[in-house]
Amino acid sequence: MKFTVYTTAADFNKDVLEVLNRHEIQNNIIYKNIGDDKFMATVKDDNGNVVLTATRTSPFPMVMYETENIRNDEVVAFFARSFVEHNIDVDFIMTEKELAKSFCEHYNKLTNKEYHNNESLVLYVLDKVNDITPVSGEFRQINADDMFYLPYWLADFVPACNLGEYNLPGAIEGANKNIEKGNSFVWVDKFPVSLATNTRSTSECAIIAQVYTPPNLRGNGYSTACVWNLSKKLLDGGFKYCALYADCANPASNKVYQKIGYKEVFWYDQYKLTRGDSPWQRM
């Protein structure tokens, strides 16, 4: 087997794009992480076939994919060992549940890093919205007038989803980018009450994220209205599917997405790995 770390997106795409495209919805985050300034790596078998792919945009988790979702602990063990041998530290991962656990176990044996489940996620996919009873309000695209509240919502979204710490300067930058791209929408009931964003897309699927309703406004159907309208807009605009991630431990959000028509298709685990007393580190 051969472990490769790529320095250019062009070289990475040449090796893996055809492999990733076979399950493009599942691999939507890997596509997002492709870039000359990103971490990109593969494991190839003795015939030169890519059997495992990984990418990361720090500080977000490293995402992995086993080609055709074929489990192979021997490959995972080699992958974990390659990180150690190349002095590449791993502290945060997110991938298919069994693959995530396997990597952590192998990496732990080599580094003594402890690992704990940070979050369990389900990927939902939709091809047609259900009919729902509308709540009061209207759906519209965000604009510069929304800056008085939008950065605070985006800043709160990150820790609420276990993705990092509250970062208002970063959220201000993100809000301005969303306004410029025109990819964020709000449900307004006299005033803005819920947010949803089309953060990225594959050739056939639009990915929805940054679904946020302030805590004091939850339970009124606002998230349902906002996500339903954005999903319908994207499907009507030419996408075959919409997809989004939900925290398995949050029954409220899962109920919202299922009501709209989203179906569970894939399950992920996030793990955080903390440094222990590694025999490798003492060499």
C-alpha atoms as a PDB file:
ATOM      1  CA  MET A   1       0.000   0.000   0.000  1.00  0.00           C
ATOM      2  CA  LYS A   2       1.034   3.613  -0.558  1.00  0.00           C
ATOM      3  CA  PHE A   3       0.191   6.708   1.494  1.00  0.00           C
ATOM      4  CA  THR A   4       0.183  10.029  -0.391  1.00  0.00           C
ATOM      5  CA  VAL A   5      -0.264  13.592   0.860  1.00  0.00           C
ATOM      6  CA  TYR A   6      -1.116  16.018  -1.949  1.00  0.00           C
ATOM      7  CA  THR A   7       0.100  19.600  -2.276  1.00  0.00           C
ATOM      8  CA  THR A   8      -2.128  20.590  -5.202  1.00  0.00           C
ATOM      9  CA  ALA A   9      -5.841  20.136  -5.826  1.00  0.00           C
ATOM     10  CA  ALA A  10      -5.089  19.228  -9.450  1.00  0.00           C
ATOM     11  CA  ASP A  11      -3.030  16.188  -8.472  1.00  0.00           C
ATOM     12  CA  PHE A  12      -5.582  15.121  -5.878  1.00  0.00           C
ATOM     13  CA  ASN A  13      -8.497  15.458  -8.317  1.00  0.00           C
ATOM     14  CA  LYS A  14      -6.640  13.444 -10.929  1.00  0.00           C
ATOM     15  CA  ASP A  15      -6.350  10.520  -8.519  1.00  0.00           C
ATOM     16  CA  VAL A  16      -9.673  10.579  -6.668  1.00  0.00           C
ATOM     17  CA  LEU A  17     -12.392  12.594  -8.397  1.00  0.00           C
ATOM     18  CA  GLU A  18     -13.786   9.659 -10.364  1.00  0.00           C
ATOM     19  CA  VAL A  19     -13.860   7.586  -7.164  1.00  0.00           C
ATOM     20  CA  LEU A  20     -15.616  10.309  -5.152  1.00  0.00           C
ATOM     21  CA  ASN A  21     -18.187  11.017  -7.863  1.00  0.00           C
ATOM     22  CA  ARG A  22     -19.683   7.542  -7.472  1.00  0.00           C
ATOM     23  CA  HIS A  23     -21.132   8.690  -4.105  1.00  0.00           C
ATOM     24  CA  GLU A  24     -21.117  12.444  -4.520  1.00  0.00           C
ATOM     25  CA  ILE A  25     -23.773  13.285  -1.940  1.00  0.00           C
ATOM     26  CA  GLN A  26     -22.003  11.279   0.751  1.00  0.00           C
ATOM     27  CA  ASN A  27     -18.699  12.925  -0.200  1.00  0.00           C
ATOM     28  CA  ASN A  28     -19.956  16.508  -0.331  1.00  0.00           C
ATOM     29  CA  ILE A  29     -17.677  17.640   2.514  1.00  0.00           C
ATOM     30  CA  ILE A  30     -14.635  16.031   0.919  1.00  0.00           C
ATOM     31  CA  TYR A  31     -15.261  18.132  -2.200  1.00  0.00           C
ATOM     32  CA  LYS A  32     -15.486  21.224  -0.008  1.00  0.00           C
ATOM     33  CA  ASN A  33     -12.078  20.424   1.480  1.00  0.00           C
ATOM     34  CA  ILE A  34     -10.229  20.177  -1.834  1.00  0.00           C
ATOM     35  CA  GLY A  35      -7.733  23.006  -2.303  1.00  0.00           C
ATOM     36  CA  ASP A  36      -4.036  23.777  -2.514  1.00  0.00           C
ATOM     37  CA  ASP A  37      -4.117  25.043   1.083  1.00  0.00           C
ATOM     38  CA  LYS A  38      -6.062  22.040   2.446  1.00  0.00           C
ATOM     39  CA  PHE A  39      -4.996  18.648   3.780  1.00  0.00           C
ATOM     40  CA  MET A  40      -5.600  15.938   1.140  1.00  0.00           C
ATOM     41  CA  ALA A  41      -4.411  12.327   1.356  1.00  0.00           C
ATOM     42  CA  THR A  42      -5.066   8.869  -0.054  1.00  0.00           C
ATOM     43  CA  VAL A  43      -4.135   5.261   0.444  1.00  0.00           C
ATOM     44  CA  LYS A  44      -3.659   3.201  -2.716  1.00  0.00           C
ATOM     45  CA  ASP A  45      -3.487  -0.580  -2.858  1.00  0.00           C
ATOM     46  CA  ASP A  46      -0.685  -2.506  -4.542  1.00  0.00           C
ATOM     47  CA  ASN A  47      -2.449  -2.118  -7.907  1.00  0.00           C
ATOM     48  CA  GLY A  48      -2.564   1.668  -7.598  1.00  0.00           C
ATOM     49  CA  ASN A  49      -6.286   1.851  -6.821  1.00  0.00           C
ATOM     50  CA  VAL A  50      -7.434   4.479  -4.308  1.00  0.00           C
ATOM     51  CA  VAL A  51      -8.972   2.604  -1.380  1.00  0.00           C
ATOM     52  CA  LEU A  52      -9.195   5.419   1.188  1.00  0.00           C
ATOM     53  CA  THR A  53      -9.441   9.195   0.845  1.00  0.00           C
ATOM     54  CA  ALA A  54      -9.188  11.933   3.472  1.00  0.00           C
ATOM     55  CA  THR A  55      -9.398  15.726   3.426  1.00  0.00           C
ATOM     56  CA  ARG A  56      -9.513  18.459   6.037  1.00  0.00           C
ATOM     57  CA  THR A  57     -10.034  22.171   6.378  1.00  0.00           C
ATOM     58  CA  SER A  58      -8.690  23.042   9.835  1.00  0.00           C
ATOM     59  CA  PRO A  59     -10.083  23.559  12.464  1.00  0.00           C
ATOM     60  CA  PHE A  60     -12.970  21.445  11.189  1.00  0.00           C
ATOM     61  CA  PRO A  61     -12.738  17.634  11.346  1.00  0.00           C
ATOM     62  CA  MET A  62     -10.862  15.442   8.897  1.00  0.00           C
ATOM     63  CA  VAL A  63     -13.323  13.561   6.699  1.00  0.00           C
ATOM     64  CA  MET A  64     -12.570  10.082   5.339  1.00  0.00           C
ATOM     65  CA  TYR A  65     -14.110   7.824   2.708  1.00  0.00           C
ATOM     66  CA  GLU A  66     -13.459   4.155   1.978  1.00  0.00           C
ATOM     67  CA  THR A  67     -13.942   3.550  -1.756  1.00  0.00           C
ATOM     68  CA  GLU A  68     -17.400   2.063  -2.383  1.00  0.00           C
ATOM     69  CA  ASN A  69     -17.783   2.012   1.426  1.00  0.00           C
ATOM     70  CA  ILE A  70     -15.904  -1.281   1.563  1.00  0.00           C
ATOM     71  CA  ARG A  71     -14.638  -1.737   5.142  1.00  0.00           C
ATOM     72  CA  ASN A  72     -11.006  -2.768   5.412  1.00  0.00           C
ATOM     73  CA  ASP A  73      -9.318  -2.559   8.809  1.00  0.00           C
ATOM     74  CA  GLU A  74      -5.950  -3.411   7.297  1.00  0.00           C
ATOM     75  CA  VAL A  75      -6.123  -0.267   5.174  1.00  0.00           C
ATOM     76  CA  VAL A  76      -7.250   1.813   8.144  1.00  0.00           C
ATOM     77  CA  ALA A  77      -4.385   0.483  10.283  1.00  0.00           C
ATOM     78  CA  PHE A  78      -1.906   1.386   7.528  1.00  0.00           C
ATOM     79  CA  PHE A  79      -3.509   4.828   7.219  1.00  0.00           C
ATOM     80  CA  ALA A  80      -3.219   5.513  10.963  1.00  0.00           C
ATOM     81  CA  ARG A  81       0.379   4.317  10.995  1.00  0.00           C
ATOM     82  CA  SER A  82       1.213   6.558   8.036  1.00  0.00           C
ATOM     83  CA  PHE A  83       0.083   9.641   9.965  1.00  0.00           C
ATOM     84  CA  VAL A  84       2.421   8.777  12.799  1.00  0.00           C
ATOM     85  CA  GLU A  85       5.344   7.983  10.504  1.00  0.00           C
ATOM     86  CA  HIS A  86       4.880  11.281   8.661  1.00  0.00           C
ATOM     87  CA  ASN A  87       4.500  13.203  11.932  1.00  0.00           C
ATOM     88  CA  ILE A  88       0.985  14.402  11.045  1.00  0.00           C
ATOM     89  CA  ASP A  89      -1.171  14.978  14.117  1.00  0.00           C
ATOM     90  CA  VAL A  90      -4.871  14.069  14.107  1.00  0.00           C
ATOM     91  CA  ASP A  91      -7.157  15.673  16.679  1.00  0.00           C
ATOM     92  CA  PHE A  92     -10.635  15.763  15.095  1.00  0.00           C
ATOM     93  CA  ILE A  93     -12.336  13.412  12.617  1.00  0.00           C
ATOM     94  CA  MET A  94     -15.797  12.858  11.135  1.00  0.00           C
ATOM     95  CA  THR A  95     -16.728   9.903   8.958  1.00  0.00           C
ATOM     96  CA  GLU A  96     -18.910   6.814   8.655  1.00  0.00           C
ATOM     97  CA  LYS A  97     -19.489   5.318  12.104  1.00  0.00           C
ATOM     98  CA  GLU A  98     -17.530   2.059  11.785  1.00  0.00           C
ATOM     99  CA  LEU A  99     -14.657   3.697   9.912  1.00  0.00           C
ATOM    100  CA  ALA A 100     -14.433   6.461  12.529  1.00  0.00           C
ATOM    101  CA  LYS A 101     -14.232   3.998  15.412  1.00  0.00           C
ATOM    102  CA  SER A 102     -11.703   1.810  13.604  1.00  0.00           C
ATOM    103  CA  PHE A 103      -9.395   4.735  12.863  1.00  0.00           C
ATOM    104  CA  CYS A 104      -9.513   5.953  16.461  1.00  0.00           C
ATOM    105  CA  GLU A 105      -8.713   2.491  17.815  1.00  0.00           C
ATOM    106  CA  HIS A 106      -5.716   2.033  15.514  1.00  0.00           C
ATOM    107  CA  TYR A 107      -4.470   5.577  16.082  1.00  0.00           C
ATOM    108  CA  ASN A 108      -4.824   5.148  19.841  1.00  0.00           C
ATOM    109  CA  LYS A 109      -2.593   2.051  19.810  1.00  0.00           C
ATOM    110  CA  LEU A 110       0.148   4.046  18.080  1.00  0.00           C
ATOM    111  CA  THR A 111      -0.094   7.375  19.903  1.00  0.00           C
ATOM    112  CA  ASN A 112      -1.974   6.638  23.122  1.00  0.00           C
ATOM    113  CA  LYS A 113      -4.305   9.465  22.164  1.00  0.00           C
ATOM    114  CA  GLU A 114      -7.618   9.193  23.929  1.00  0.00           C
ATOM    115  CA  TYR A 115     -10.744   9.671  21.848  1.00  0.00           C
ATOM    116  CA  HIS A 116     -14.336  10.527  22.638  1.00  0.00           C
ATOM    117  CA  ASN A 117     -17.470  10.893  20.561  1.00  0.00           C
ATOM    118  CA  ASN A 118     -18.092  14.585  19.985  1.00  0.00           C
ATOM    119  CA  GLU A 119     -21.314  14.158  18.029  1.00  0.00           C
ATOM    120  CA  SER A 120     -23.262  11.603  16.002  1.00  0.00           C
ATOM    121  CA  LEU A 121     -24.797  12.886  12.783  1.00  0.00           C
ATOM    122  CA  VAL A 122     -27.232  11.649  10.192  1.00  0.00           C
ATOM    123  CA  LEU A 123     -27.210  12.770   6.565  1.00  0.00           C
ATOM    124  CA  TYR A 124     -30.709  13.420   5.247  1.00  0.00           C
ATOM    125  CA  VAL A 125     -31.596  13.539   1.530  1.00  0.00           C
ATOM    126  CA  LEU A 126     -34.749  14.881  -0.098  1.00  0.00           C
ATOM    127  CA  ASP A 127     -36.060  14.673  -3.671  1.00  0.00           C
ATOM    128  CA  LYS A 128     -39.558  16.051  -3.083  1.00  0.00           C
ATOM    129  CA  VAL A 129     -41.014  18.203  -0.314  1.00  0.00           C
ATOM    130  CA  ASN A 130     -44.100  17.083   1.567  1.00  0.00           C
ATOM    131  CA  ASP A 131     -47.158  19.274   1.850  1.00  0.00           C
ATOM    132  CA  ILE A 132     -47.129  21.111   5.181  1.00  0.00           C
ATOM    133  CA  THR A 133     -49.437  23.528   6.946  1.00  0.00           C
ATOM    134  CA  PRO A 134     -47.814  26.967   6.644  1.00  0.00           C
ATOM    135  CA  VAL A 135     -47.150  29.172   9.641  1.00  0.00           C
ATOM    136  CA  SER A 136     -47.471  32.932   9.542  1.00  0.00           C
ATOM    137  CA  GLY A 137     -44.652  34.807   7.883  1.00  0.00           C
ATOM    138  CA  GLU A 138     -42.741  35.071   4.642  1.00  0.00           C
ATOM    139  CA  PHE A 139     -39.568  33.680   3.095  1.00  0.00           C
ATOM    140  CA  ARG A 140     -36.884  35.977   1.715  1.00  0.00           C
ATOM    141  CA  GLN A 141     -33.191  36.242   0.892  1.00  0.00           C
ATOM    142  CA  ILE A 142     -30.950  37.979   3.436  1.00  0.00           C
ATOM    143  CA  ASN A 143     -29.517  41.405   2.706  1.00  0.00           C
ATOM    144  CA  ALA A 144     -27.310  44.045   4.318  1.00  0.00           C
ATOM    145  CA  ASP A 145     -30.173  45.165   6.579  1.00  0.00           C
ATOM    146  CA  ASP A 146     -29.922  41.793   8.369  1.00  0.00           C
ATOM    147  CA  MET A 147     -26.449  42.497   9.747  1.00  0.00           C
ATOM    148  CA  PHE A 148     -27.849  43.755  13.047  1.00  0.00           C
ATOM    149  CA  TYR A 149     -28.632  40.173  14.130  1.00  0.00           C
ATOM    150  CA  LEU A 150     -27.205  37.737  11.533  1.00  0.00           C
ATOM    151  CA  PRO A 151     -23.580  37.564  12.810  1.00  0.00           C
ATOM    152  CA  TYR A 152     -24.842  36.731  16.315  1.00  0.00           C
ATOM    153  CA  TRP A 153     -26.942  33.878  14.943  1.00  0.00           C
ATOM    154  CA  LEU A 154     -24.030  32.469  12.928  1.00  0.00           C
ATOM    155  CA  ALA A 155     -21.651  32.817  15.883  1.00  0.00           C
ATOM    156  CA  ASP A 156     -24.050  30.921  18.145  1.00  0.00           C
ATOM    157  CA  PHE A 157     -24.640  28.223  15.515  1.00  0.00           C
ATOM    158  CA  VAL A 158     -21.022  26.973  15.716  1.00  0.00           C
ATOM    159  CA  PRO A 159     -20.883  25.980  19.418  1.00  0.00           C
ATOM    160  CA  ALA A 160     -24.504  24.841  19.287  1.00  0.00           C
ATOM    161  CA  CYS A 161     -23.439  22.248  16.692  1.00  0.00           C
ATOM    162  CA  ASN A 162     -20.204  21.290  18.494  1.00  0.00           C
ATOM    163  CA  LEU A 163     -18.144  22.711  15.621  1.00  0.00           C
ATOM    164  CA  GLY A 164     -16.027  25.138  17.607  1.00  0.00           C
ATOM    165  CA  GLU A 165     -16.155  28.190  19.823  1.00  0.00           C
ATOM    166  CA  TYR A 166     -18.263  31.326  19.638  1.00  0.00           C
ATOM    167  CA  ASN A 167     -16.420  33.633  17.222  1.00  0.00           C
ATOM    168  CA  LEU A 168     -18.198  36.888  16.447  1.00  0.00           C
ATOM    169  CA  PRO A 169     -15.503  38.398  14.138  1.00  0.00           C
ATOM    170  CA  GLY A 170     -15.528  35.216  12.069  1.00  0.00           C
ATOM    171  CA  ALA A 171     -19.316  35.245  12.018  1.00  0.00           C
ATOM    172  CA  ILE A 172     -19.367  38.845  10.771  1.00  0.00           C
ATOM    173  CA  GLU A 173     -17.111  37.807   7.910  1.00  0.00           C
ATOM    174  CA  GLY A 174     -19.314  34.791   7.212  1.00  0.00           C
ATOM    175  CA  ALA A 175     -22.495  36.870   7.238  1.00  0.00           C
ATOM    176  CA  ASN A 176     -21.040  39.324   4.737  1.00  0.00           C
ATOM    177  CA  LYS A 177     -20.012  36.448   2.466  1.00  0.00           C
ATOM    178  CA  ASN A 178     -23.502  34.945   2.625  1.00  0.00           C
ATOM    179  CA  ILE A 179     -25.033  38.286   1.701  1.00  0.00           C
ATOM    180  CA  GLU A 180     -22.619  38.614  -1.217  1.00  0.00           C
ATOM    181  CA  LYS A 181     -23.329  35.068  -2.439  1.00  0.00           C
ATOM    182  CA  GLY A 182     -27.085  35.398  -1.967  1.00  0.00           C
ATOM    183  CA  ASN A 183     -27.258  31.848  -0.562  1.00  0.00           C
ATOM    184  CA  SER A 184     -28.891  32.504   2.841  1.00  0.00           C
ATOM    185  CA  PHE A 185     -32.605  32.913   3.499  1.00  0.00           C
ATOM    186  CA  VAL A 186     -34.744  33.780   6.486  1.00  0.00           C
ATOM    187  CA  TRP A 187     -38.292  33.209   7.581  1.00  0.00           C
ATOM    188  CA  VAL A 188     -39.787  36.496   8.743  1.00  0.00           C
ATOM    189  CA  ASP A 189     -42.776  36.739  11.085  1.00  0.00           C
ATOM    190  CA  LYS A 190     -42.887  40.505  11.651  1.00  0.00           C
ATOM    191  CA  PHE A 191     -39.125  40.172  12.238  1.00  0.00           C
ATOM    192  CA  PRO A 192     -36.541  37.513  11.218  1.00  0.00           C
ATOM    193  CA  VAL A 193     -37.096  34.293  13.151  1.00  0.00           C
ATOM    194  CA  SER A 194     -35.211  31.496  11.370  1.00  0.00           C
ATOM    195  CA  LEU A 195     -32.266  31.025   8.997  1.00  0.00           C
ATOM    196  CA  ALA A 196     -31.150  28.420   6.442  1.00  0.00           C
ATOM    197  CA  THR A 197     -28.284  28.493   3.938  1.00  0.00           C
ATOM    198  CA  ASN A 198     -27.396  26.636   0.750  1.00  0.00           C
ATOM    199  CA  THR A 199     -23.738  26.330   1.712  1.00  0.00           C
ATOM    200  CA  ARG A 200     -22.481  24.217  -1.205  1.00  0.00           C
ATOM    201  CA  SER A 201     -23.609  21.774  -3.875  1.00  0.00           C
ATOM    202  CA  THR A 202     -22.579  18.771  -5.946  1.00  0.00           C
ATOM    203  CA  SER A 203     -23.635  18.263  -9.569  1.00  0.00           C
ATOM    204  CA  GLU A 204     -27.107  17.067  -8.527  1.00  0.00           C
ATOM    205  CA  CYS A 205     -27.510  17.958  -4.864  1.00  0.00           C
ATOM    206  CA  ALA A 206     -27.761  21.213  -2.913  1.00  0.00           C
ATOM    207  CA  ILE A 207     -26.466  21.065   0.646  1.00  0.00           C
ATOM    208  CA  ILE A 208     -28.384  23.021   3.286  1.00  0.00           C
ATOM    209  CA  ALA A 209     -26.710  24.081   6.536  1.00  0.00           C
ATOM    210  CA  GLN A 210     -26.636  26.903   9.085  1.00  0.00           C
ATOM    211  CA  VAL A 211     -30.220  26.089  10.040  1.00  0.00           C
ATOM    212  CA  TYR A 212     -30.783  28.284  13.069  1.00  0.00           C
ATOM    213  CA  THR A 213     -33.680  29.607  15.104  1.00  0.00           C
ATOM    214  CA  PRO A 214     -32.990  31.575  18.314  1.00  0.00           C
ATOM    215  CA  PRO A 215     -33.789  29.494  21.425  1.00  0.00           C
ATOM    216  CA  ASN A 216     -36.648  31.734  22.535  1.00  0.00           C
ATOM    217  CA  LEU A 217     -38.388  31.309  19.149  1.00  0.00           C
ATOM    218  CA  ARG A 218     -38.128  27.541  18.763  1.00  0.00           C
ATOM    219  CA  GLY A 219     -41.169  25.278  18.675  1.00  0.00           C
ATOM    220  CA  ASN A 220     -43.251  27.613  16.509  1.00  0.00           C
ATOM    221  CA  GLY A 221     -42.673  25.926  13.138  1.00  0.00           C
ATOM    222  CA  TYR A 222     -40.279  28.597  11.890  1.00  0.00           C
ATOM    223  CA  SER A 223     -37.384  26.231  11.051  1.00  0.00           C
ATOM    224  CA  THR A 224     -39.809  23.952   9.235  1.00  0.00           C
ATOM    225  CA  ALA A 225     -41.103  26.855   7.152  1.00  0.00           C
ATOM    226  CA  CYS A 226     -37.633  28.173   6.365  1.00  0.00           C
ATOM    227  CA  VAL A 227     -36.069  24.822   5.404  1.00  0.00           C
ATOM    228  CA  TRP A 228     -39.189  23.740   3.473  1.00  0.00           C
ATOM    229  CA  ASN A 229     -39.126  26.898   1.377  1.00  0.00           C
ATOM    230  CA  LEU A 230     -35.386  26.755   0.731  1.00  0.00           C
ATOM    231  CA  SER A 231     -35.580  23.064  -0.194  1.00  0.00           C
ATOM    232  CA  LYS A 232     -38.429  23.693  -2.622  1.00  0.00           C
ATOM    233  CA  LYS A 233     -36.621  26.688  -4.125  1.00  0.00           C
ATOM    234  CA  LEU A 234     -33.493  24.610  -4.765  1.00  0.00           C
ATOM    235  CA  LEU A 235     -35.422  21.676  -6.248  1.00  0.00           C
ATOM    236  CA  ASP A 236     -37.466  24.005  -8.441  1.00  0.00           C
ATOM    237  CA  GLY A 237     -34.189  25.642  -9.491  1.00  0.00           C
ATOM    238  CA  GLY A 238     -32.867  22.439 -11.030  1.00  0.00           C
ATOM    239  CA  PHE A 239     -31.283  20.357  -8.281  1.00  0.00           C
ATOM    240  CA  LYS A 240     -32.389  16.727  -8.159  1.00  0.00           C
ATOM    241  CA  TYR A 241     -31.781  16.443  -4.420  1.00  0.00           C
ATOM    242  CA  CYS A 242     -31.289  18.500  -1.279  1.00  0.00           C
ATOM    243  CA  ALA A 243     -29.279  17.194   1.672  1.00  0.00           C
ATOM    244  CA  LEU A 244     -28.470  18.283   5.205  1.00  0.00           C
ATOM    245  CA  TYR A 245     -26.929  16.981   8.412  1.00  0.00           C
ATOM    246  CA  ALA A 246     -28.688  16.627  11.752  1.00  0.00           C
ATOM    247  CA  ASP A 247     -27.506  15.788  15.245  1.00  0.00           C
ATOM    248  CA  CYS A 248     -28.828  12.325  16.098  1.00  0.00           C
ATOM    249  CA  ALA A 249     -29.284  13.478  19.704  1.00  0.00           C
ATOM    250  CA  ASN A 250     -31.618  16.336  18.749  1.00  0.00           C
ATOM    251  CA  PRO A 251     -35.123  14.899  18.260  1.00  0.00           C
ATOM    252  CA  ALA A 252     -36.617  18.317  17.489  1.00  0.00           C
ATOM    253  CA  SER A 253     -34.483  19.011  14.419  1.00  0.00           C
ATOM    254  CA  ASN A 254     -34.825  15.417  13.182  1.00  0.00           C
ATOM    255  CA  LYS A 255     -38.600  15.707  13.466  1.00  0.00           C
ATOM    256  CA  VAL A 256     -38.541  18.944  11.452  1.00  0.00           C
ATOM    257  CA  TYR A 257     -36.561  17.438   8.582  1.00  0.00           C
ATOM    258  CA  GLN A 258     -38.603  14.247   8.484  1.00  0.00           C
ATOM    259  CA  LYS A 259     -41.808  16.301   8.400  1.00  0.00           C
ATOM    260  CA  ILE A 260     -40.527  18.164   5.337  1.00  0.00           C
ATOM    261  CA  GLY A 261     -39.735  14.869   3.588  1.00  0.00           C
ATOM    262  CA  TYR A 262     -36.051  14.252   4.266  1.00  0.00           C
ATOM    263  CA  LYS A 263     -34.968  10.613   4.531  1.00  0.00           C
ATOM    264  CA  GLU A 264     -32.040   9.245   6.561  1.00  0.00           C
ATOM    265  CA  VAL A 265     -29.343   7.813   4.270  1.00  0.00           C
ATOM    266  CA  PHE A 266     -25.986   7.837   6.077  1.00  0.00           C
ATOM    267  CA  TRP A 267     -24.661   7.961   9.627  1.00  0.00           C
ATOM    268  CA  TYR A 268     -21.463   9.636  10.830  1.00  0.00           C
ATOM    269  CA  ASP A 269     -19.563   9.946  14.087  1.00  0.00           C
ATOM    270  CA  GLN A 270     -17.314  12.830  15.081  1.00  0.00           C
ATOM    271  CA  TYR A 271     -14.425  12.044  17.406  1.00  0.00           C
ATOM    272  CA  LYS A 272     -12.030  14.371  19.157  1.00  0.00           C
ATOM    273  CA  LEU A 273      -8.610  12.919  19.979  1.00  0.00           C
ATOM    274  CA  THR A 274      -6.530  14.250  22.848  1.00  0.00           C
ATOM    275  CA  ARG A 275      -2.821  13.713  23.270  1.00  0.00           C
ATOM    276  CA  GLY A 276      -1.492  11.057  25.624  1.00  0.00           C
ATOM    277  CA  ASP A 277       1.991   9.749  26.413  1.00  0.00           C
ATOM    278  CA  SER A 278       2.926   8.279  23.026  1.00  0.00           C
ATOM    279  CA  PRO A 279       5.854   5.900  22.612  1.00  0.00           C
ATOM    280  CA  TRP A 280       6.332   7.448  19.172  1.00  0.00           C
ATOM    281  CA  GLN A 281       6.684  10.908  20.688  1.00  0.00           C
ATOM    282  CA  ARG A 282       9.518   9.686  22.914  1.00  0.00           C
ATOM    283  CA  MET A 283      11.583   8.352  20.004  1.00  0.00           C
END
